[in-house]
Amino acid sequence: MNKVLWRETYRFFALIFSALLANMIFLPLAFLTPKKKNRLVIIGRGNGLFSDNAKHFFLFLQEKKDPVFSATFLSSYRNTIQQMRGYSLPCLFYPGLRALYQLLTAEYVVMDSAEWISGGKFQLSSHSKLIQLWHGIPLKEIELPLHRRRLKQLGFFPRWILRIQKRIIGRYPKYHLLLSTSKYITQTAFSSAFRAKYFAELGYPRNDVLFQGQKNMRKSSPIWINCDLETIGIIETARSDGNKIFLYAPTFRSDLSSPFSENILSLQSLNDFASKNNMLFVMKLHPLMVQQFKDKNTTNIIHYAPDCDIYPALSLFDGLITDFSSIYFDYLLLDRPVYFFPYDMDHYIADERKLLFAYEEMTPGPIVMNQAALQASLVEPDTKDWALQRKVVREKVFEHCDDQASQRIYDFIRAT
């Protein structure tokens, strides 16, 4: 058995063991402990990153100075806690005792990912109302359909072991609310992927910032917590110098491959192209992909820190390059060019995820498969045809194009 298999096997059974302990200790406590009316706990992605929908909904509640909900953010990142406390934001380190008590007594627990269940959080909140904001409109298969497909690929005994593990750790809970962006997305993606009492097409809190404009966001605002301010400064300088700014945000591959490791993209020739055409490329990559760039001398290619929130800076980009990432749906709200670079499409669909939609129907921009075609498309002017196609897709996936998503979620929670 190789090291990777040993590590995954150990992790698999460690999750079972820790969940069994949490079930024995926390489940009875959750059953016996009364909930504090309108106490609301928010959990960020991973171990509590201050980013995405969880961050932006939390900040909305703080700015509102809401007298109804008492909201607290939980994180396992001490640096995040320190930054938030610098703004006097209510946050607690998990698994500290105060954080455990807040979660145990919360009437509402809000999250935007699947990993929130770890560390006993699922068991502590077993009698709370769970509000799943999720972290993006899916282009590819997620959650229950993906789980069921993987189960079918296993033999009888491993299939039942996996089912039991998922049940013990609480991997697919029933939510009080599953946030969506349109009825089309609810019907085609979310209704089969999650179990929920309500599916509500209210929009994403992280997109509210796209309609508020950079001028309305003071640099002293807490919205810049966990943003890559150094890179944002470079982007702003490059824009003032007349450069076009492109964001490259590819999807992570489980085999750790990338267009750079597979020699699909040459960094040096891409950098030369950018320099010649007054462009700056900003890479928003998975942490493991970033490691492939050590000691690269690229003056016109920079990196946005992998775990930092990019949404407050999204309107700084003149165009987006991606493959299967859900970020492009949000970027459509800015009505700017999107370039699709699914260089390994057949392999990705076969080995990673099935697509929920026909790729060509949901990708309103040039689809290119190699570096030469990508670079050629970047110097072509945007057209009315692409703008029309963006509008068609945008109206499918968003029922609201405004900065009121957090307000609608707030109103919905109060009403239910």
Protein backbone atom coordinates (compact mmCIF):
# COMPACT_ATOMS: atom_id res chain seq x y z
CA MET A 1 0.00 0.00 0.00
CA ASN A 2 1.58 3.32 -1.05
CA LYS A 3 1.91 6.36 1.20
CA VAL A 4 -1.03 8.23 -0.37
CA LEU A 5 -3.36 5.27 0.15
CA TRP A 6 -2.18 4.84 3.73
CA ARG A 7 -2.79 8.54 4.40
CA GLU A 8 -6.29 8.47 2.91
CA THR A 9 -7.17 5.26 4.80
CA TYR A 10 -5.96 6.78 8.06
CA ARG A 11 -7.93 9.97 7.42
CA PHE A 12 -11.06 7.97 6.56
CA PHE A 13 -11.10 6.05 9.85
CA ALA A 14 -9.90 9.02 11.90
CA LEU A 15 -12.99 10.92 10.75
CA ILE A 16 -15.19 8.03 11.87
CA PHE A 17 -13.51 7.82 15.27
CA SER A 18 -13.67 11.57 15.97
CA ALA A 19 -17.30 11.73 14.80
CA LEU A 20 -18.25 8.82 17.07
CA LEU A 21 -16.75 10.68 20.03
CA ALA A 22 -18.60 13.84 19.04
CA ASN A 23 -21.84 11.87 18.69
CA MET A 24 -21.45 10.45 22.21
CA ILE A 25 -20.56 13.77 23.85
CA PHE A 26 -22.08 16.59 21.80
CA LEU A 27 -25.33 15.07 20.53
CA PRO A 28 -26.82 14.63 24.04
CA LEU A 29 -25.70 18.15 24.94
CA ALA A 30 -27.32 19.56 21.81
CA PHE A 31 -30.54 17.72 22.60
CA LEU A 32 -30.70 18.97 26.20
CA THR A 33 -29.44 22.54 25.76
CA PRO A 34 -32.05 25.18 24.91
CA LYS A 35 -31.32 27.43 21.95
CA LYS A 36 -30.96 31.19 22.37
CA LYS A 37 -33.57 32.86 20.22
CA ASN A 38 -32.05 34.66 17.21
CA ARG A 39 -28.49 33.65 18.12
CA LEU A 40 -26.73 33.15 14.79
CA VAL A 41 -23.32 31.54 14.28
CA ILE A 42 -21.47 31.80 10.95
CA ILE A 43 -18.79 29.30 9.89
CA GLY A 44 -16.37 30.05 7.04
CA ARG A 45 -15.02 27.58 4.49
CA GLY A 46 -12.42 25.07 5.54
CA ASN A 47 -11.56 25.79 9.15
CA GLY A 48 -13.17 29.21 9.10
CA LEU A 49 -11.71 31.28 6.29
CA PHE A 50 -13.08 34.81 6.24
CA SER A 51 -14.20 34.81 2.62
CA ASP A 52 -17.04 34.09 0.21
CA ASN A 53 -20.71 34.22 1.16
CA ALA A 54 -20.13 33.56 4.87
CA LYS A 55 -17.88 36.62 5.17
CA HIS A 56 -20.09 38.97 3.20
CA PHE A 57 -23.32 37.98 4.92
CA PHE A 58 -21.64 38.37 8.31
CA LEU A 59 -20.38 41.84 7.40
CA PHE A 60 -23.86 42.80 6.22
CA LEU A 61 -25.27 41.88 9.63
CA GLN A 62 -22.57 43.89 11.40
CA GLU A 63 -23.05 46.95 9.19
CA LYS A 64 -26.79 46.72 9.69
CA LYS A 65 -26.22 46.85 13.46
CA ASP A 66 -29.11 44.48 13.58
CA PRO A 67 -31.07 44.42 16.84
CA VAL A 68 -32.68 41.06 15.94
CA PHE A 69 -29.83 38.62 15.28
CA SER A 70 -26.80 38.22 17.50
CA ALA A 71 -24.20 37.02 14.98
CA THR A 72 -20.77 35.54 15.75
CA PHE A 73 -18.15 34.28 13.31
CA LEU A 74 -16.18 31.13 14.17
CA SER A 75 -12.70 30.44 12.84
CA SER A 76 -9.75 28.18 13.59
CA TYR A 77 -7.31 30.71 12.10
CA ARG A 78 -5.82 32.89 14.82
CA ASN A 79 -4.62 35.46 12.29
CA THR A 80 -8.20 35.83 11.04
CA ILE A 81 -9.47 36.27 14.59
CA GLN A 82 -6.82 38.91 15.25
CA GLN A 83 -7.72 40.88 12.11
CA MET A 84 -11.43 40.75 12.87
CA ARG A 85 -10.97 41.85 16.45
CA GLY A 86 -9.03 44.82 15.13
CA TYR A 87 -12.38 45.96 13.71
CA SER A 88 -14.26 45.01 16.90
CA LEU A 89 -16.11 42.26 15.03
CA PRO A 90 -17.67 39.49 17.14
CA CYS A 91 -15.59 36.40 16.43
CA LEU A 92 -14.40 33.39 18.40
CA PHE A 93 -11.65 30.84 18.02
CA TYR A 94 -12.93 27.32 17.44
CA PRO A 95 -12.74 24.96 19.33
CA GLY A 96 -12.50 27.33 22.29
CA LEU A 97 -15.06 26.89 25.06
CA ARG A 98 -16.93 30.10 24.22
CA ALA A 99 -17.16 29.07 20.57
CA LEU A 100 -18.44 25.62 21.56
CA TYR A 101 -21.11 27.23 23.75
CA GLN A 102 -22.15 29.71 21.04
CA LEU A 103 -22.58 26.89 18.55
CA LEU A 104 -24.39 24.68 21.05
CA THR A 105 -26.94 27.41 21.82
CA ALA A 106 -27.34 28.90 18.33
CA GLU A 107 -30.81 28.96 16.83
CA TYR A 108 -29.25 29.43 13.37
CA VAL A 109 -25.96 28.11 12.02
CA VAL A 110 -24.85 29.60 8.69
CA MET A 111 -22.18 28.12 6.41
CA ASP A 112 -21.15 28.17 2.75
CA SER A 113 -19.35 24.84 2.28
CA ALA A 114 -19.60 21.14 3.04
CA GLU A 115 -16.53 20.98 5.34
CA TRP A 116 -18.25 22.93 8.11
CA ILE A 117 -19.26 19.65 9.80
CA SER A 118 -15.73 18.88 11.06
CA GLY A 119 -14.51 19.12 14.63
CA GLY A 120 -17.87 18.36 16.23
CA LYS A 121 -19.65 21.34 14.66
CA PHE A 122 -22.27 19.14 13.03
CA GLN A 123 -23.12 17.42 16.33
CA LEU A 124 -23.20 20.65 18.34
CA SER A 125 -25.64 22.22 15.86
CA SER A 126 -27.80 19.13 15.36
CA HIS A 127 -30.91 20.92 16.67
CA SER A 128 -30.19 24.30 15.10
CA LYS A 129 -31.61 25.64 11.84
CA LEU A 130 -28.89 25.16 9.23
CA ILE A 131 -28.54 27.87 6.57
CA GLN A 132 -26.39 26.70 3.64
CA LEU A 133 -25.26 29.63 1.49
CA TRP A 134 -22.94 27.41 -0.60
CA HIS A 135 -19.98 28.85 -2.52
CA GLY A 136 -20.98 29.04 -6.13
CA ILE A 137 -23.26 28.10 -8.98
CA PRO A 138 -22.12 24.63 -10.08
CA LEU A 139 -21.17 23.89 -13.64
CA LYS A 140 -20.20 20.37 -12.60
CA GLU A 141 -21.70 17.60 -10.50
CA ILE A 142 -21.66 18.19 -6.75
CA GLU A 143 -22.77 16.64 -3.46
CA LEU A 144 -25.42 13.86 -3.51
CA PRO A 145 -25.36 12.95 -7.24
CA LEU A 146 -21.57 12.88 -7.17
CA HIS A 147 -21.62 10.78 -4.01
CA ARG A 148 -24.10 8.31 -5.48
CA ARG A 149 -22.12 7.96 -8.69
CA ARG A 150 -18.96 7.22 -6.73
CA LEU A 151 -20.81 4.66 -4.62
CA LYS A 152 -21.80 2.77 -7.77
CA GLN A 153 -18.15 2.46 -8.72
CA LEU A 154 -17.35 0.58 -5.50
CA GLY A 155 -17.82 -3.03 -4.55
CA PHE A 156 -20.53 -4.09 -2.10
CA PHE A 157 -18.45 -3.98 1.10
CA PRO A 158 -16.58 -0.67 0.43
CA ARG A 159 -19.88 0.90 -0.67
CA TRP A 160 -21.53 0.15 2.68
CA ILE A 161 -18.46 1.23 4.65
CA LEU A 162 -18.53 4.58 2.84
CA ARG A 163 -22.26 5.01 3.41
CA ILE A 164 -21.84 4.34 7.12
CA GLN A 165 -18.94 6.77 7.36
CA LYS A 166 -20.89 9.58 5.68
CA ARG A 167 -23.85 8.97 8.01
CA ILE A 168 -21.69 9.02 11.13
CA ILE A 169 -19.84 12.22 10.25
CA GLY A 170 -23.04 13.99 9.12
CA ARG A 171 -21.78 14.64 5.62
CA TYR A 172 -25.15 15.21 3.93
CA PRO A 173 -27.43 16.88 6.49
CA LYS A 174 -30.86 18.35 5.88
CA TYR A 175 -30.72 22.13 5.77
CA HIS A 176 -33.37 24.59 6.79
CA LEU A 177 -32.44 26.79 3.81
CA LEU A 178 -30.36 26.12 0.72
CA LEU A 179 -29.46 29.36 -1.03
CA SER A 180 -29.77 29.50 -4.81
CA THR A 181 -29.57 32.20 -7.45
CA SER A 182 -32.41 31.26 -9.83
CA LYS A 183 -35.17 28.70 -10.26
CA TYR A 184 -33.24 27.29 -13.21
CA ILE A 185 -30.21 26.59 -11.00
CA THR A 186 -32.40 25.21 -8.22
CA GLN A 187 -34.09 22.78 -10.58
CA THR A 188 -31.05 21.70 -12.58
CA ALA A 189 -28.40 21.63 -9.85
CA PHE A 190 -29.32 22.23 -6.22
CA SER A 191 -32.61 20.38 -5.68
CA SER A 192 -30.96 17.01 -6.41
CA ALA A 193 -27.64 17.86 -4.74
CA PHE A 194 -28.94 18.85 -1.29
CA ARG A 195 -31.68 18.00 1.16
CA ALA A 196 -33.40 21.14 2.41
CA LYS A 197 -36.74 22.36 3.73
CA TYR A 198 -36.48 25.51 1.62
CA PHE A 199 -34.67 26.32 -1.61
CA ALA A 200 -34.70 30.09 -2.05
CA GLU A 201 -33.47 32.06 -5.08
CA LEU A 202 -32.11 35.08 -3.23
CA GLY A 203 -28.64 35.60 -4.72
CA TYR A 204 -25.15 35.49 -3.22
CA PRO A 205 -23.94 37.95 -0.55
CA ARG A 206 -20.44 38.00 -2.06
CA ASN A 207 -21.89 39.45 -5.27
CA ASP A 208 -23.43 42.46 -3.54
CA VAL A 209 -19.99 44.08 -3.59
CA LEU A 210 -19.90 43.91 -7.40
CA PHE A 211 -22.71 46.46 -7.57
CA GLN A 212 -21.37 48.79 -4.91
CA GLY A 213 -18.26 49.87 -6.81
CA GLN A 214 -14.69 50.31 -5.63
CA LYS A 215 -15.20 54.01 -4.85
CA ASN A 216 -17.77 53.18 -2.20
CA MET A 217 -15.43 50.81 -0.35
CA ARG A 218 -13.01 52.63 1.92
CA LYS A 219 -9.64 50.97 2.39
CA SER A 220 -10.35 51.09 6.12
CA SER A 221 -13.48 48.95 5.65
CA PRO A 222 -13.52 45.42 7.15
CA ILE A 223 -14.50 44.17 3.70
CA TRP A 224 -10.73 44.10 2.96
CA ILE A 225 -10.02 41.63 5.75
CA ASN A 226 -8.41 38.54 4.23
CA CYS A 227 -7.85 40.22 0.87
CA ASP A 228 -4.44 40.24 -0.83
CA LEU A 229 -3.86 43.98 -0.46
CA GLU A 230 -0.31 43.86 -1.82
CA THR A 231 -1.48 42.28 -5.08
CA ILE A 232 -4.47 44.62 -5.29
CA GLY A 233 -2.05 47.55 -5.04
CA ILE A 234 -0.03 46.18 -7.97
CA ILE A 235 -3.24 45.74 -9.99
CA GLU A 236 -4.36 49.31 -9.32
CA THR A 237 -0.96 50.68 -10.35
CA ALA A 238 -0.99 48.59 -13.54
CA ARG A 239 -4.47 49.85 -14.40
CA SER A 240 -3.44 53.46 -13.89
CA ASP A 241 -0.53 52.82 -16.26
CA GLY A 242 -2.96 51.71 -18.98
CA ASN A 243 -2.53 47.94 -18.71
CA LYS A 244 -5.38 45.50 -19.21
CA ILE A 245 -5.77 43.16 -16.24
CA PHE A 246 -6.79 39.53 -16.66
CA LEU A 247 -7.64 37.08 -13.89
CA TYR A 248 -6.80 33.41 -14.44
CA ALA A 249 -8.81 31.21 -12.07
CA PRO A 250 -8.72 27.51 -13.06
CA THR A 251 -10.38 24.63 -11.26
CA PHE A 252 -8.28 22.41 -9.01
CA ARG A 253 -7.52 18.88 -10.26
CA SER A 254 -7.36 16.06 -7.73
CA ASP A 255 -4.28 14.61 -9.43
CA LEU A 256 -2.52 17.99 -8.88
CA SER A 257 -2.03 18.51 -12.61
CA SER A 258 -2.15 21.99 -14.13
CA PRO A 259 -1.55 23.58 -17.53
CA PHE A 260 1.89 24.56 -16.23
CA SER A 261 2.95 21.09 -15.08
CA GLU A 262 1.54 19.58 -18.29
CA ASN A 263 3.40 22.10 -20.49
CA ILE A 264 0.14 23.45 -21.91
CA LEU A 265 1.03 26.97 -20.79
CA SER A 266 4.54 28.36 -20.94
CA LEU A 267 4.94 31.01 -18.27
CA GLN A 268 7.82 32.70 -20.04
CA SER A 269 6.05 33.03 -23.38
CA LEU A 270 2.85 34.12 -21.61
CA ASN A 271 4.84 36.76 -19.76
CA ASP A 272 6.45 37.96 -23.00
CA PHE A 273 3.00 38.16 -24.62
CA ALA A 274 1.65 40.17 -21.68
CA SER A 275 4.59 42.57 -21.73
CA LYS A 276 4.26 43.14 -25.47
CA ASN A 277 0.50 43.82 -25.24
CA ASN A 278 0.43 45.90 -22.02
CA MET A 279 -1.30 43.20 -19.99
CA LEU A 280 -1.03 41.92 -16.45
CA PHE A 281 -2.08 38.37 -15.61
CA VAL A 282 -3.21 37.67 -12.05
CA MET A 283 -3.24 33.98 -11.11
CA LYS A 284 -5.77 32.81 -8.51
CA LEU A 285 -4.68 29.22 -7.98
CA HIS A 286 -5.03 26.40 -5.51
CA PRO A 287 -2.20 26.44 -2.91
CA LEU A 288 -0.69 23.25 -4.34
CA MET A 289 -0.64 24.76 -7.83
CA VAL A 290 1.07 27.92 -6.59
CA GLN A 291 4.03 25.81 -5.49
CA GLN A 292 4.85 25.17 -9.15
CA PHE A 293 5.82 28.85 -9.57
CA LYS A 294 8.75 29.16 -7.22
CA ASP A 295 11.53 31.44 -8.45
CA LYS A 296 9.74 32.28 -11.70
CA ASN A 297 10.91 35.64 -13.06
CA THR A 298 7.66 36.89 -14.58
CA THR A 299 7.20 40.64 -14.47
CA ASN A 300 3.69 40.60 -15.96
CA ILE A 301 2.35 37.56 -14.13
CA ILE A 302 1.54 37.87 -10.43
CA HIS A 303 -0.36 35.78 -7.90
CA TYR A 304 -3.33 36.49 -5.71
CA ALA A 305 -2.96 34.65 -2.40
CA PRO A 306 -4.88 31.35 -2.73
CA ASP A 307 -6.95 31.56 0.46
CA CYS A 308 -7.73 35.27 0.22
CA ASP A 309 -11.10 36.73 -0.75
CA ILE A 310 -10.99 38.12 -4.29
CA TYR A 311 -14.57 39.39 -4.60
CA PRO A 312 -13.95 42.95 -3.36
CA ALA A 313 -11.32 43.23 -6.13
CA LEU A 314 -13.20 41.39 -8.89
CA SER A 315 -14.33 44.58 -10.63
CA LEU A 316 -10.66 45.55 -11.17
CA PHE A 317 -10.30 42.91 -13.89
CA ASP A 318 -10.94 43.56 -17.57
CA GLY A 319 -11.45 39.87 -18.33
CA LEU A 320 -11.55 36.44 -16.74
CA ILE A 321 -9.88 33.22 -17.93
CA THR A 322 -11.16 29.97 -16.46
CA ASP A 323 -12.20 26.42 -17.32
CA PHE A 324 -14.86 24.93 -15.02
CA SER A 325 -14.77 27.31 -12.05
CA SER A 326 -18.05 28.78 -10.81
CA ILE A 327 -16.42 32.19 -10.44
CA TYR A 328 -17.27 32.96 -14.07
CA PHE A 329 -21.00 32.93 -13.34
CA ASP A 330 -20.49 35.70 -10.79
CA TYR A 331 -18.21 37.58 -13.18
CA LEU A 332 -21.07 37.68 -15.71
CA LEU A 333 -22.72 40.23 -13.43
CA LEU A 334 -20.01 42.69 -14.51
CA ASP A 335 -20.76 41.97 -18.19
CA ARG A 336 -17.10 41.69 -19.15
CA PRO A 337 -15.35 39.16 -21.40
CA VAL A 338 -14.81 35.60 -20.21
CA TYR A 339 -12.34 33.27 -21.92
CA PHE A 340 -12.71 29.52 -21.46
CA PHE A 341 -9.57 27.38 -21.43
CA PRO A 342 -10.66 23.75 -20.74
CA TYR A 343 -7.39 22.34 -22.05
CA ASP A 344 -8.08 18.84 -20.62
CA MET A 345 -11.86 18.71 -20.99
CA ASP A 346 -12.20 15.03 -21.95
CA HIS A 347 -9.89 13.88 -19.17
CA TYR A 348 -11.52 16.18 -16.60
CA ILE A 349 -15.05 15.01 -17.36
CA ALA A 350 -14.03 11.35 -17.42
CA ASP A 351 -11.88 11.36 -14.28
CA GLU A 352 -13.01 14.32 -12.18
CA ARG A 353 -16.61 15.53 -12.53
CA LYS A 354 -19.52 15.16 -14.91
CA LEU A 355 -20.91 18.45 -16.19
CA LEU A 356 -24.45 19.48 -15.34
CA PHE A 357 -24.91 21.42 -18.57
CA ALA A 358 -23.70 21.31 -22.14
CA TYR A 359 -20.43 23.22 -21.89
CA GLU A 360 -20.90 25.25 -25.06
CA GLU A 361 -24.39 26.38 -24.01
CA MET A 362 -23.26 27.79 -20.65
CA THR A 363 -19.93 29.35 -21.63
CA PRO A 364 -20.51 32.75 -23.29
CA GLY A 365 -17.02 33.42 -24.55
CA PRO A 366 -14.25 31.98 -26.71
CA ILE A 367 -13.41 28.34 -25.93
CA VAL A 368 -9.73 27.63 -26.60
CA MET A 369 -7.60 24.56 -26.01
CA ASN A 370 -4.02 25.80 -26.31
CA GLN A 371 -1.87 28.80 -25.50
CA ALA A 372 -1.69 30.20 -29.02
CA ALA A 373 -5.49 30.25 -29.32
CA LEU A 374 -5.84 31.75 -25.86
CA GLN A 375 -3.44 34.59 -26.60
CA ALA A 376 -5.11 35.26 -29.94
CA SER A 377 -8.53 35.53 -28.28
CA LEU A 378 -7.24 37.98 -25.65
CA VAL A 379 -6.28 40.58 -28.25
CA GLU A 380 -9.59 40.29 -30.11
CA PRO A 381 -12.18 42.98 -29.24
CA ASP A 382 -15.29 42.03 -27.34
CA THR A 383 -18.34 41.71 -29.61
CA LYS A 384 -22.06 42.30 -29.38
CA ASP A 385 -22.60 38.57 -29.97
CA TRP A 386 -20.58 37.66 -26.87
CA ALA A 387 -22.39 40.35 -24.87
CA LEU A 388 -25.73 38.91 -25.97
CA GLN A 389 -24.67 35.38 -25.02
CA ARG A 390 -23.49 36.61 -21.62
CA LYS A 391 -26.90 38.20 -21.11
CA VAL A 392 -28.69 34.96 -22.00
CA VAL A 393 -26.65 32.91 -19.50
CA ARG A 394 -26.78 35.63 -16.85
CA GLU A 395 -30.58 35.74 -16.99
CA LYS A 396 -30.70 31.95 -16.64
CA VAL A 397 -28.55 31.77 -13.54
CA PHE A 398 -29.48 35.00 -11.74
CA GLU A 399 -32.97 36.19 -10.88
CA HIS A 400 -31.54 39.26 -9.15
CA CYS A 401 -28.76 41.48 -10.44
CA ASP A 402 -28.37 43.94 -7.57
CA ASP A 403 -26.69 44.44 -4.19
CA GLN A 404 -29.60 43.19 -2.10
CA ALA A 405 -28.83 39.47 -1.73
CA SER A 406 -27.87 39.73 1.95
CA GLN A 407 -30.99 41.75 2.69
CA ARG A 408 -33.19 39.12 1.02
CA ILE A 409 -31.51 36.33 3.03
CA TYR A 410 -31.98 38.32 6.23
CA ASP A 411 -35.67 38.85 5.47
CA PHE A 412 -36.14 35.17 4.58
CA ILE A 413 -34.54 33.92 7.80
CA ARG A 414 -36.68 36.27 9.87
CA ALA A 415 -39.82 35.10 8.07
CA THR A 416 -39.10 31.39 8.58
